[in-house]
Amino acid sequence: MAVVVVTWNSAAVLPGFLESLPAGMKGLDWRLVVADNASADDTVAVVRELAPDATVVETGRNGGYAFGVNAALRAAGSWPEGFRAVLICNPDIRMADGCAATLVEALDTPLPEGGRVGITVPLLYEEDGALVHSLRRESGVGRALGEAVIGNRRAGRFPGLSELVTAPAAYTGRTVADWATGALMALSARCVTACGPWDESFFLYSEETEYCLRARDLGLRTRLEPAAQAVHLGGDSRVSPGLWSLLCVNRVRLYRRRHGLAATAAFRGAVLLRELSRAALGRPPARAAVSALLGRSEVPRGEGGQSRQAV
């Protein structure tokens, strides 16, 4: 199988990732493909030194996460033997022993409600051991309003009130979700073939959302496999104002692609309400997001690398 990693100034976290990779991939025949988005540090040199058998794709520019994934997938697809599955992961992921094999084994499983498992994700933990709420529901006006009024983590226990899934029971079993945070996910070959390239119009944030929803539309669902576990070193939600603005704007952009103008206006208003309430508390990321949502400032695209933050 292909292990795809997108890097951007990732030299500090790569040694730990590469060291932990053999244990995480235990039981599988795999090859590593690294797409580097024009790192200014020693990222490429670290890969070449510590993983000399890896395929390194130097993309030549920081075109975003989906851009890097597509570059790596093209390189992976050129192997004559093909692949059974693709594992897409951040360089700040540390998989537990056998994590990838558990994810791959569950792919293509028929589901009682119809369709098949096309994407699998593990339980993710912060470095301090805290569980990451990685499962998501599709965006909706009611869910955006619920998050604005009572906060996404409290609202997350109720399907109609939040995109974030926080109910403890959802993380103890094989839970099917609309999408999941993309720090680590396994894709079946069937899914990769059916969905085609990742959408590069999303520089960072919402690209994994769009991909999972597109797969769901084709009957290929995203499912949590709790027996597979990993630590995400960059998994907190403390992001810069620029990145938070990009996240909020891309949520609205994706919503517009799947809904009409009136529904999108209501959704944008609900997202804006949430950020206004946070801005009133003096939070710089929220103030930046308000400005971006109102079209008063340009959202930066080249900042922040390729980290998949949990929000």
C-alpha atoms as a PDB file:
ATOM      1  CA  MET A   1       0.000   0.000   0.000  1.00  0.00           C
ATOM      2  CA  ALA A   2       1.014   3.612  -0.398  1.00  0.00           C
ATOM      3  CA  VAL A   3       1.717   5.795   2.639  1.00  0.00           C
ATOM      4  CA  VAL A   4       1.238   9.424   1.589  1.00  0.00           C
ATOM      5  CA  VAL A   5       2.667  12.291   3.635  1.00  0.00           C
ATOM      6  CA  VAL A   6       2.510  15.970   2.702  1.00  0.00           C
ATOM      7  CA  THR A   7       5.262  18.094   4.230  1.00  0.00           C
ATOM      8  CA  TRP A   8       5.949  21.798   4.584  1.00  0.00           C
ATOM      9  CA  ASN A   9       8.787  22.835   6.894  1.00  0.00           C
ATOM     10  CA  SER A  10       8.317  19.551   8.764  1.00  0.00           C
ATOM     11  CA  ALA A  11      11.949  18.746   9.622  1.00  0.00           C
ATOM     12  CA  ALA A  12      11.335  18.947  13.375  1.00  0.00           C
ATOM     13  CA  VAL A  13       8.564  16.328  13.467  1.00  0.00           C
ATOM     14  CA  LEU A  14       9.695  13.982  10.683  1.00  0.00           C
ATOM     15  CA  PRO A  15      12.326  11.968  12.603  1.00  0.00           C
ATOM     16  CA  GLY A  16       9.747  10.835  15.165  1.00  0.00           C
ATOM     17  CA  PHE A  17       7.226  10.032  12.451  1.00  0.00           C
ATOM     18  CA  LEU A  18       9.692   8.002  10.422  1.00  0.00           C
ATOM     19  CA  GLU A  19      10.926   6.171  13.519  1.00  0.00           C
ATOM     20  CA  SER A  20       7.398   5.161  14.507  1.00  0.00           C
ATOM     21  CA  LEU A  21       6.240   4.229  10.996  1.00  0.00           C
ATOM     22  CA  PRO A  22       7.416   0.569  10.886  1.00  0.00           C
ATOM     23  CA  ALA A  23       5.481  -0.306  14.060  1.00  0.00           C
ATOM     24  CA  GLY A  24       2.393   1.532  12.864  1.00  0.00           C
ATOM     25  CA  MET A  25       2.535  -0.282   9.503  1.00  0.00           C
ATOM     26  CA  LYS A  26       3.216  -3.704  11.028  1.00  0.00           C
ATOM     27  CA  GLY A  27       1.795  -6.563   8.974  1.00  0.00           C
ATOM     28  CA  LEU A  28       1.520  -4.584   5.732  1.00  0.00           C
ATOM     29  CA  ASP A  29       3.597  -4.303   2.583  1.00  0.00           C
ATOM     30  CA  TRP A  30       4.013  -0.557   2.163  1.00  0.00           C
ATOM     31  CA  ARG A  31       5.988   2.163   0.464  1.00  0.00           C
ATOM     32  CA  LEU A  32       6.345   5.753   1.593  1.00  0.00           C
ATOM     33  CA  VAL A  33       5.590   8.682  -0.719  1.00  0.00           C
ATOM     34  CA  VAL A  34       6.418  12.174   0.553  1.00  0.00           C
ATOM     35  CA  ALA A  35       5.180  15.249  -1.299  1.00  0.00           C
ATOM     36  CA  ASP A  36       7.110  18.290  -0.128  1.00  0.00           C
ATOM     37  CA  ASN A  37       5.507  21.674  -0.762  1.00  0.00           C
ATOM     38  CA  ALA A  38       8.674  23.764  -1.121  1.00  0.00           C
ATOM     39  CA  SER A  39       9.916  23.534   2.453  1.00  0.00           C
ATOM     40  CA  ALA A  40      12.429  26.179   3.484  1.00  0.00           C
ATOM     41  CA  ASP A  41      14.013  23.931   6.106  1.00  0.00           C
ATOM     42  CA  ASP A  42      15.758  20.536   5.914  1.00  0.00           C
ATOM     43  CA  THR A  43      12.586  18.482   5.394  1.00  0.00           C
ATOM     44  CA  VAL A  44      13.679  16.846   2.130  1.00  0.00           C
ATOM     45  CA  ALA A  45      17.175  16.131   3.444  1.00  0.00           C
ATOM     46  CA  VAL A  46      15.716  14.496   6.574  1.00  0.00           C
ATOM     47  CA  VAL A  47      13.527  12.196   4.471  1.00  0.00           C
ATOM     48  CA  ARG A  48      16.363  11.241   2.149  1.00  0.00           C
ATOM     49  CA  GLU A  49      18.668  10.485   5.082  1.00  0.00           C
ATOM     50  CA  LEU A  50      16.231   8.618   7.355  1.00  0.00           C
ATOM     51  CA  ALA A  51      14.028   6.992   4.699  1.00  0.00           C
ATOM     52  CA  PRO A  52      16.248   6.462   1.653  1.00  0.00           C
ATOM     53  CA  ASP A  53      13.760   4.086   0.019  1.00  0.00           C
ATOM     54  CA  ALA A  54      10.944   6.656   0.095  1.00  0.00           C
ATOM     55  CA  THR A  55       9.644   8.290  -3.063  1.00  0.00           C
ATOM     56  CA  VAL A  56      10.091  12.056  -2.643  1.00  0.00           C
ATOM     57  CA  VAL A  57       8.055  14.403  -4.813  1.00  0.00           C
ATOM     58  CA  GLU A  58       9.289  17.992  -4.669  1.00  0.00           C
ATOM     59  CA  THR A  59       6.235  19.923  -5.857  1.00  0.00           C
ATOM     60  CA  GLY A  60       8.111  23.206  -6.279  1.00  0.00           C
ATOM     61  CA  ARG A  61       5.572  25.389  -4.489  1.00  0.00           C
ATOM     62  CA  ASN A  62       3.330  25.471  -1.445  1.00  0.00           C
ATOM     63  CA  GLY A  63       0.119  24.723  -3.303  1.00  0.00           C
ATOM     64  CA  GLY A  64      -1.767  23.468  -0.264  1.00  0.00           C
ATOM     65  CA  TYR A  65      -2.586  20.147   1.329  1.00  0.00           C
ATOM     66  CA  ALA A  66      -4.807  18.747  -1.446  1.00  0.00           C
ATOM     67  CA  PHE A  67      -2.207  19.808  -4.010  1.00  0.00           C
ATOM     68  CA  GLY A  68       0.418  17.790  -2.148  1.00  0.00           C
ATOM     69  CA  VAL A  69      -1.864  14.776  -1.714  1.00  0.00           C
ATOM     70  CA  ASN A  70      -2.600  14.709  -5.445  1.00  0.00           C
ATOM     71  CA  ALA A  71       1.099  14.946  -6.312  1.00  0.00           C
ATOM     72  CA  ALA A  72       1.860  12.002  -4.021  1.00  0.00           C
ATOM     73  CA  LEU A  73      -1.078   9.952  -5.316  1.00  0.00           C
ATOM     74  CA  ARG A  74       0.119  10.430  -8.885  1.00  0.00           C
ATOM     75  CA  ALA A  75       3.523   9.095  -7.880  1.00  0.00           C
ATOM     76  CA  ALA A  76       1.964   6.189  -5.966  1.00  0.00           C
ATOM     77  CA  GLY A  77      -0.284   5.301  -8.889  1.00  0.00           C
ATOM     78  CA  SER A  78       2.674   4.993 -11.223  1.00  0.00           C
ATOM     79  CA  TRP A  79       3.867   1.781  -9.544  1.00  0.00           C
ATOM     80  CA  PRO A  80       3.259  -1.204 -11.828  1.00  0.00           C
ATOM     81  CA  GLU A  81       1.877  -3.330  -9.013  1.00  0.00           C
ATOM     82  CA  GLY A  82      -0.726  -0.736  -8.064  1.00  0.00           C
ATOM     83  CA  PHE A  83      -2.006  -0.566  -4.492  1.00  0.00           C
ATOM     84  CA  ARG A  84      -4.722  -2.029  -2.295  1.00  0.00           C
ATOM     85  CA  ALA A  85      -5.166   1.106  -0.219  1.00  0.00           C
ATOM     86  CA  VAL A  86      -3.671   4.504   0.523  1.00  0.00           C
ATOM     87  CA  LEU A  87      -2.815   5.828   3.965  1.00  0.00           C
ATOM     88  CA  ILE A  88      -2.780   9.625   4.133  1.00  0.00           C
ATOM     89  CA  CYS A  89      -1.200  11.088   7.217  1.00  0.00           C
ATOM     90  CA  ASN A  90       0.385  14.161   8.705  1.00  0.00           C
ATOM     91  CA  PRO A  91       4.075  14.055   9.637  1.00  0.00           C
ATOM     92  CA  ASP A  92       3.107  14.885  13.225  1.00  0.00           C
ATOM     93  CA  ILE A  93       1.162  11.623  13.590  1.00  0.00           C
ATOM     94  CA  ARG A  94       2.512   8.774  15.721  1.00  0.00           C
ATOM     95  CA  MET A  95       0.654   5.524  15.059  1.00  0.00           C
ATOM     96  CA  ALA A  96       0.274   2.790  17.653  1.00  0.00           C
ATOM     97  CA  ASP A  97       1.473  -0.700  16.734  1.00  0.00           C
ATOM     98  CA  GLY A  98      -0.583  -2.207  13.926  1.00  0.00           C
ATOM     99  CA  CYS A  99      -2.738   0.893  13.499  1.00  0.00           C
ATOM    100  CA  ALA A 100      -2.622   0.917   9.707  1.00  0.00           C
ATOM    101  CA  ALA A 101      -3.402  -2.805   9.324  1.00  0.00           C
ATOM    102  CA  THR A 102      -6.555  -2.357  11.408  1.00  0.00           C
ATOM    103  CA  LEU A 103      -7.655   0.549   9.235  1.00  0.00           C
ATOM    104  CA  VAL A 104      -6.957  -1.281   5.980  1.00  0.00           C
ATOM    105  CA  GLU A 105      -8.684  -4.487   7.083  1.00  0.00           C
ATOM    106  CA  ALA A 106     -11.966  -2.606   7.556  1.00  0.00           C
ATOM    107  CA  LEU A 107     -11.969  -1.040   4.082  1.00  0.00           C
ATOM    108  CA  ASP A 108     -14.599  -2.207   1.564  1.00  0.00           C
ATOM    109  CA  THR A 109     -16.714  -3.742   4.331  1.00  0.00           C
ATOM    110  CA  PRO A 110     -20.442  -3.691   3.386  1.00  0.00           C
ATOM    111  CA  LEU A 111     -22.571  -1.542   5.690  1.00  0.00           C
ATOM    112  CA  PRO A 112     -26.049  -2.506   7.004  1.00  0.00           C
ATOM    113  CA  GLU A 113     -27.471   0.829   5.868  1.00  0.00           C
ATOM    114  CA  GLY A 114     -26.059   0.317   2.381  1.00  0.00           C
ATOM    115  CA  GLY A 115     -22.801   1.222   0.713  1.00  0.00           C
ATOM    116  CA  ARG A 116     -19.325   0.258   1.790  1.00  0.00           C
ATOM    117  CA  VAL A 117     -16.560   1.548   4.008  1.00  0.00           C
ATOM    118  CA  GLY A 118     -14.358   3.643   1.732  1.00  0.00           C
ATOM    119  CA  ILE A 119     -12.443   5.633   4.368  1.00  0.00           C
ATOM    120  CA  THR A 120     -11.322   4.556   7.826  1.00  0.00           C
ATOM    121  CA  VAL A 121      -9.929   6.695  10.633  1.00  0.00           C
ATOM    122  CA  PRO A 122      -8.429   5.796  14.032  1.00  0.00           C
ATOM    123  CA  LEU A 123      -8.994   7.106  17.499  1.00  0.00           C
ATOM    124  CA  LEU A 124      -6.775  10.180  17.781  1.00  0.00           C
ATOM    125  CA  TYR A 125      -5.244  11.432  21.000  1.00  0.00           C
ATOM    126  CA  GLU A 126      -3.435  14.599  21.964  1.00  0.00           C
ATOM    127  CA  GLU A 127       0.137  14.265  23.173  1.00  0.00           C
ATOM    128  CA  ASP A 128      -1.137  14.487  26.767  1.00  0.00           C
ATOM    129  CA  GLY A 129      -3.518  11.570  26.221  1.00  0.00           C
ATOM    130  CA  ALA A 130      -6.720  13.567  25.733  1.00  0.00           C
ATOM    131  CA  LEU A 131      -9.124  12.156  23.157  1.00  0.00           C
ATOM    132  CA  VAL A 132      -9.516  14.191  19.970  1.00  0.00           C
ATOM    133  CA  HIS A 133     -13.134  14.522  18.851  1.00  0.00           C
ATOM    134  CA  SER A 134     -12.358  13.773  15.219  1.00  0.00           C
ATOM    135  CA  LEU A 135     -15.792  12.786  13.876  1.00  0.00           C
ATOM    136  CA  ARG A 136     -18.014  15.297  12.109  1.00  0.00           C
ATOM    137  CA  ARG A 137     -21.530  15.696  10.759  1.00  0.00           C
ATOM    138  CA  GLU A 138     -22.268  17.536   7.543  1.00  0.00           C
ATOM    139  CA  SER A 139     -22.652  21.291   8.006  1.00  0.00           C
ATOM    140  CA  GLY A 140     -26.158  22.714   8.343  1.00  0.00           C
ATOM    141  CA  VAL A 141     -27.780  25.988   9.370  1.00  0.00           C
ATOM    142  CA  GLY A 142     -29.262  24.475  12.533  1.00  0.00           C
ATOM    143  CA  ARG A 143     -25.925  22.970  13.511  1.00  0.00           C
ATOM    144  CA  ALA A 144     -24.088  26.244  12.904  1.00  0.00           C
ATOM    145  CA  LEU A 145     -26.659  28.077  15.050  1.00  0.00           C
ATOM    146  CA  GLY A 146     -26.337  25.476  17.807  1.00  0.00           C
ATOM    147  CA  GLU A 147     -22.577  25.979  17.858  1.00  0.00           C
ATOM    148  CA  ALA A 148     -23.035  29.760  17.932  1.00  0.00           C
ATOM    149  CA  VAL A 149     -25.476  29.694  20.843  1.00  0.00           C
ATOM    150  CA  ILE A 150     -24.143  26.972  23.153  1.00  0.00           C
ATOM    151  CA  GLY A 151     -20.702  26.096  21.729  1.00  0.00           C
ATOM    152  CA  ASN A 152     -19.750  23.182  19.517  1.00  0.00           C
ATOM    153  CA  ARG A 153     -18.452  20.869  22.240  1.00  0.00           C
ATOM    154  CA  ARG A 154     -21.619  21.053  24.355  1.00  0.00           C
ATOM    155  CA  ALA A 155     -23.848  21.015  21.277  1.00  0.00           C
ATOM    156  CA  GLY A 156     -21.890  18.111  19.822  1.00  0.00           C
ATOM    157  CA  ARG A 157     -23.843  15.568  21.862  1.00  0.00           C
ATOM    158  CA  PHE A 158     -26.963  16.400  19.849  1.00  0.00           C
ATOM    159  CA  PRO A 159     -26.986  15.510  16.124  1.00  0.00           C
ATOM    160  CA  GLY A 160     -29.075  18.519  15.118  1.00  0.00           C
ATOM    161  CA  LEU A 161     -27.049  21.123  16.987  1.00  0.00           C
ATOM    162  CA  SER A 162     -23.404  20.694  15.988  1.00  0.00           C
ATOM    163  CA  GLU A 163     -21.126  19.479  13.261  1.00  0.00           C
ATOM    164  CA  LEU A 164     -18.697  18.161  15.879  1.00  0.00           C
ATOM    165  CA  VAL A 165     -19.487  14.724  17.341  1.00  0.00           C
ATOM    166  CA  THR A 166     -18.723  14.688  21.077  1.00  0.00           C
ATOM    167  CA  ALA A 167     -20.987  11.924  22.425  1.00  0.00           C
ATOM    168  CA  PRO A 168     -18.663   9.459  24.250  1.00  0.00           C
ATOM    169  CA  ALA A 169     -20.458   6.444  22.771  1.00  0.00           C
ATOM    170  CA  ALA A 170     -19.475   7.524  19.255  1.00  0.00           C
ATOM    171  CA  TYR A 171     -15.821   6.881  20.087  1.00  0.00           C
ATOM    172  CA  THR A 172     -16.221   3.432  21.628  1.00  0.00           C
ATOM    173  CA  GLY A 173     -17.507   1.618  18.555  1.00  0.00           C
ATOM    174  CA  ARG A 174     -17.276   1.524  14.781  1.00  0.00           C
ATOM    175  CA  THR A 175     -19.077   4.780  14.121  1.00  0.00           C
ATOM    176  CA  VAL A 176     -19.972   5.919  10.608  1.00  0.00           C
ATOM    177  CA  ALA A 177     -19.641   9.695  10.202  1.00  0.00           C
ATOM    178  CA  ASP A 178     -20.198  12.179   7.399  1.00  0.00           C
ATOM    179  CA  TRP A 179     -16.524  13.066   7.572  1.00  0.00           C
ATOM    180  CA  ALA A 180     -13.565  13.065   9.926  1.00  0.00           C
ATOM    181  CA  THR A 181     -10.506  15.183  10.506  1.00  0.00           C
ATOM    182  CA  GLY A 182      -7.843  14.244   7.977  1.00  0.00           C
ATOM    183  CA  ALA A 183      -4.751  13.868  10.145  1.00  0.00           C
ATOM    184  CA  LEU A 184      -4.723  10.128   9.458  1.00  0.00           C
ATOM    185  CA  MET A 185      -7.056   8.222   7.161  1.00  0.00           C
ATOM    186  CA  ALA A 186      -6.978   5.084   5.045  1.00  0.00           C
ATOM    187  CA  LEU A 187      -8.654   5.140   1.626  1.00  0.00           C
ATOM    188  CA  SER A 188      -9.611   2.038  -0.313  1.00  0.00           C
ATOM    189  CA  ALA A 189      -8.394   1.720  -3.888  1.00  0.00           C
ATOM    190  CA  ARG A 190     -12.071   1.703  -4.869  1.00  0.00           C
ATOM    191  CA  CYS A 191     -12.514   5.080  -3.146  1.00  0.00           C
ATOM    192  CA  VAL A 192      -9.416   6.628  -4.714  1.00  0.00           C
ATOM    193  CA  THR A 193     -10.525   5.494  -8.166  1.00  0.00           C
ATOM    194  CA  ALA A 194     -14.158   6.574  -7.772  1.00  0.00           C
ATOM    195  CA  CYS A 195     -13.468   9.984  -6.214  1.00  0.00           C
ATOM    196  CA  GLY A 196     -10.503  11.027  -8.309  1.00  0.00           C
ATOM    197  CA  PRO A 197      -8.204  13.884  -7.236  1.00  0.00           C
ATOM    198  CA  TRP A 198      -8.626  15.933  -4.090  1.00  0.00           C
ATOM    199  CA  ASP A 199     -10.035  19.410  -4.632  1.00  0.00           C
ATOM    200  CA  GLU A 200      -7.061  21.779  -4.830  1.00  0.00           C
ATOM    201  CA  SER A 201      -9.253  24.892  -4.668  1.00  0.00           C
ATOM    202  CA  PHE A 202      -9.195  24.376  -0.887  1.00  0.00           C
ATOM    203  CA  PHE A 203      -5.666  25.361   0.110  1.00  0.00           C
ATOM    204  CA  LEU A 204      -6.080  24.141   3.678  1.00  0.00           C
ATOM    205  CA  TYR A 205      -9.204  23.129   5.625  1.00  0.00           C
ATOM    206  CA  SER A 206     -12.380  21.667   4.109  1.00  0.00           C
ATOM    207  CA  GLU A 207     -10.457  19.594   1.567  1.00  0.00           C
ATOM    208  CA  GLU A 208     -10.912  16.431   3.609  1.00  0.00           C
ATOM    209  CA  THR A 209     -14.542  17.426   4.272  1.00  0.00           C
ATOM    210  CA  GLU A 210     -15.224  17.781   0.559  1.00  0.00           C
ATOM    211  CA  TYR A 211     -13.489  14.474  -0.197  1.00  0.00           C
ATOM    212  CA  CYS A 212     -15.382  12.495   2.460  1.00  0.00           C
ATOM    213  CA  LEU A 213     -18.727  13.971   1.408  1.00  0.00           C
ATOM    214  CA  ARG A 214     -17.974  13.216  -2.234  1.00  0.00           C
ATOM    215  CA  ALA A 215     -17.126   9.638  -1.277  1.00  0.00           C
ATOM    216  CA  ARG A 216     -20.338   9.390   0.772  1.00  0.00           C
ATOM    217  CA  ASP A 217     -22.351  10.555  -2.232  1.00  0.00           C
ATOM    218  CA  LEU A 218     -20.882   7.569  -4.101  1.00  0.00           C
ATOM    219  CA  GLY A 219     -21.811   5.125  -1.338  1.00  0.00           C
ATOM    220  CA  LEU A 220     -18.329   5.031   0.212  1.00  0.00           C
ATOM    221  CA  ARG A 221     -18.605   5.953   3.883  1.00  0.00           C
ATOM    222  CA  THR A 222     -16.151   7.167   6.505  1.00  0.00           C
ATOM    223  CA  ARG A 223     -15.927   4.972   9.617  1.00  0.00           C
ATOM    224  CA  LEU A 224     -14.045   5.181  12.881  1.00  0.00           C
ATOM    225  CA  GLU A 225     -12.097   2.045  13.798  1.00  0.00           C
ATOM    226  CA  PRO A 226     -11.482   2.413  17.559  1.00  0.00           C
ATOM    227  CA  ALA A 227      -9.042  -0.514  17.649  1.00  0.00           C
ATOM    228  CA  ALA A 228      -6.681   1.659  15.592  1.00  0.00           C
ATOM    229  CA  GLN A 229      -5.077   4.461  17.579  1.00  0.00           C
ATOM    230  CA  ALA A 230      -2.611   7.280  17.021  1.00  0.00           C
ATOM    231  CA  VAL A 231      -1.273  10.425  18.652  1.00  0.00           C
ATOM    232  CA  HIS A 232      -1.559  13.741  16.809  1.00  0.00           C
ATOM    233  CA  LEU A 233       1.083  16.140  18.066  1.00  0.00           C
ATOM    234  CA  GLY A 234      -0.541  19.117  16.317  1.00  0.00           C
ATOM    235  CA  GLY A 235      -4.077  18.202  17.230  1.00  0.00           C
ATOM    236  CA  ASP A 236      -5.157  21.157  19.329  1.00  0.00           C
ATOM    237  CA  SER A 237      -7.342  24.004  18.151  1.00  0.00           C
ATOM    238  CA  ARG A 238      -4.982  26.905  18.923  1.00  0.00           C
ATOM    239  CA  VAL A 239      -4.484  28.237  15.423  1.00  0.00           C
ATOM    240  CA  SER A 240      -3.396  31.617  14.136  1.00  0.00           C
ATOM    241  CA  PRO A 241      -5.933  34.285  13.132  1.00  0.00           C
ATOM    242  CA  GLY A 242      -5.041  33.747   9.481  1.00  0.00           C
ATOM    243  CA  LEU A 243      -5.636  30.006   9.596  1.00  0.00           C
ATOM    244  CA  TRP A 244      -8.851  30.362  11.585  1.00  0.00           C
ATOM    245  CA  SER A 245     -10.133  32.840   8.991  1.00  0.00           C
ATOM    246  CA  LEU A 246      -9.292  30.371   6.242  1.00  0.00           C
ATOM    247  CA  LEU A 247     -11.107  27.588   8.072  1.00  0.00           C
ATOM    248  CA  CYS A 248     -14.286  29.658   8.503  1.00  0.00           C
ATOM    249  CA  VAL A 249     -14.322  30.977   4.946  1.00  0.00           C
ATOM    250  CA  ASN A 250     -13.732  27.522   3.472  1.00  0.00           C
ATOM    251  CA  ARG A 251     -16.628  26.094   5.486  1.00  0.00           C
ATOM    252  CA  VAL A 252     -18.923  28.624   3.830  1.00  0.00           C
ATOM    253  CA  ARG A 253     -17.392  28.010   0.382  1.00  0.00           C
ATOM    254  CA  LEU A 254     -17.979  24.280   0.649  1.00  0.00           C
ATOM    255  CA  TYR A 255     -21.510  24.775   1.938  1.00  0.00           C
ATOM    256  CA  ARG A 256     -22.292  26.990  -1.058  1.00  0.00           C
ATOM    257  CA  ARG A 257     -21.239  24.220  -3.440  1.00  0.00           C
ATOM    258  CA  ARG A 258     -23.845  21.887  -2.004  1.00  0.00           C
ATOM    259  CA  HIS A 259     -26.697  24.317  -1.292  1.00  0.00           C
ATOM    260  CA  GLY A 260     -28.552  27.278  -2.752  1.00  0.00           C
ATOM    261  CA  LEU A 261     -27.908  30.967  -2.248  1.00  0.00           C
ATOM    262  CA  ALA A 262     -30.575  31.485   0.431  1.00  0.00           C
ATOM    263  CA  ALA A 263     -29.396  28.522   2.516  1.00  0.00           C
ATOM    264  CA  THR A 264     -25.790  29.664   2.146  1.00  0.00           C
ATOM    265  CA  ALA A 265     -26.658  33.167   3.326  1.00  0.00           C
ATOM    266  CA  ALA A 266     -28.293  31.680   6.422  1.00  0.00           C
ATOM    267  CA  PHE A 267     -25.304  29.414   7.034  1.00  0.00           C
ATOM    268  CA  ARG A 268     -22.835  32.277   6.637  1.00  0.00           C
ATOM    269  CA  GLY A 269     -24.898  34.290   9.101  1.00  0.00           C
ATOM    270  CA  ALA A 270     -24.829  31.503  11.664  1.00  0.00           C
ATOM    271  CA  VAL A 271     -21.056  31.065  11.315  1.00  0.00           C
ATOM    272  CA  LEU A 272     -20.635  34.828  11.585  1.00  0.00           C
ATOM    273  CA  LEU A 273     -22.763  34.902  14.748  1.00  0.00           C
ATOM    274  CA  ARG A 274     -20.479  32.357  16.384  1.00  0.00           C
ATOM    275  CA  GLU A 275     -17.355  34.321  15.488  1.00  0.00           C
ATOM    276  CA  LEU A 276     -18.906  37.618  16.613  1.00  0.00           C
ATOM    277  CA  SER A 277     -19.612  36.120  20.037  1.00  0.00           C
ATOM    278  CA  ARG A 278     -16.002  34.945  20.291  1.00  0.00           C
ATOM    279  CA  ALA A 279     -14.678  38.274  19.031  1.00  0.00           C
ATOM    280  CA  ALA A 280     -16.638  40.011  21.801  1.00  0.00           C
ATOM    281  CA  LEU A 281     -14.542  38.004  24.259  1.00  0.00           C
ATOM    282  CA  GLY A 282     -11.389  39.468  22.734  1.00  0.00           C
ATOM    283  CA  ARG A 283     -10.205  36.458  20.741  1.00  0.00           C
ATOM    284  CA  PRO A 284      -7.963  37.544  17.824  1.00  0.00           C
ATOM    285  CA  PRO A 285      -8.742  34.510  15.584  1.00  0.00           C
ATOM    286  CA  ALA A 286     -12.461  35.259  15.843  1.00  0.00           C
ATOM    287  CA  ARG A 287     -11.933  38.944  15.035  1.00  0.00           C
ATOM    288  CA  ALA A 288      -9.955  37.948  11.950  1.00  0.00           C
ATOM    289  CA  ALA A 289     -12.651  35.473  10.919  1.00  0.00           C
ATOM    290  CA  VAL A 290     -15.375  38.126  11.239  1.00  0.00           C
ATOM    291  CA  SER A 291     -13.412  40.444   8.981  1.00  0.00           C
ATOM    292  CA  ALA A 292     -12.875  37.684   6.416  1.00  0.00           C
ATOM    293  CA  LEU A 293     -16.501  36.528   6.467  1.00  0.00           C
ATOM    294  CA  LEU A 294     -17.630  40.105   5.875  1.00  0.00           C
ATOM    295  CA  GLY A 295     -15.192  40.465   3.003  1.00  0.00           C
ATOM    296  CA  ARG A 296     -13.195  43.178   4.738  1.00  0.00           C
ATOM    297  CA  SER A 297      -9.888  41.324   4.587  1.00  0.00           C
ATOM    298  CA  GLU A 298      -8.193  38.834   2.329  1.00  0.00           C
ATOM    299  CA  VAL A 299      -7.726  35.342   3.670  1.00  0.00           C
ATOM    300  CA  PRO A 300      -4.048  34.270   3.636  1.00  0.00           C
ATOM    301  CA  ARG A 301      -3.363  31.044   1.737  1.00  0.00           C
ATOM    302  CA  GLY A 302       0.351  30.504   2.110  1.00  0.00           C
ATOM    303  CA  GLU A 303       0.575  30.459   5.895  1.00  0.00           C
ATOM    304  CA  GLY A 304       0.684  27.552   8.244  1.00  0.00           C
ATOM    305  CA  GLY A 305       1.878  24.472   6.437  1.00  0.00           C
ATOM    306  CA  GLN A 306      -0.139  21.290   6.240  1.00  0.00           C
ATOM    307  CA  SER A 307      -1.333  20.569   9.762  1.00  0.00           C
ATOM    308  CA  ARG A 308      -4.789  19.030  10.155  1.00  0.00           C
ATOM    309  CA  GLN A 309      -6.096  20.805  13.214  1.00  0.00           C
ATOM    310  CA  ALA A 310      -9.024  19.527  15.254  1.00  0.00           C
ATOM    311  CA  VAL A 311     -11.622  22.265  15.622  1.00  0.00           C
END
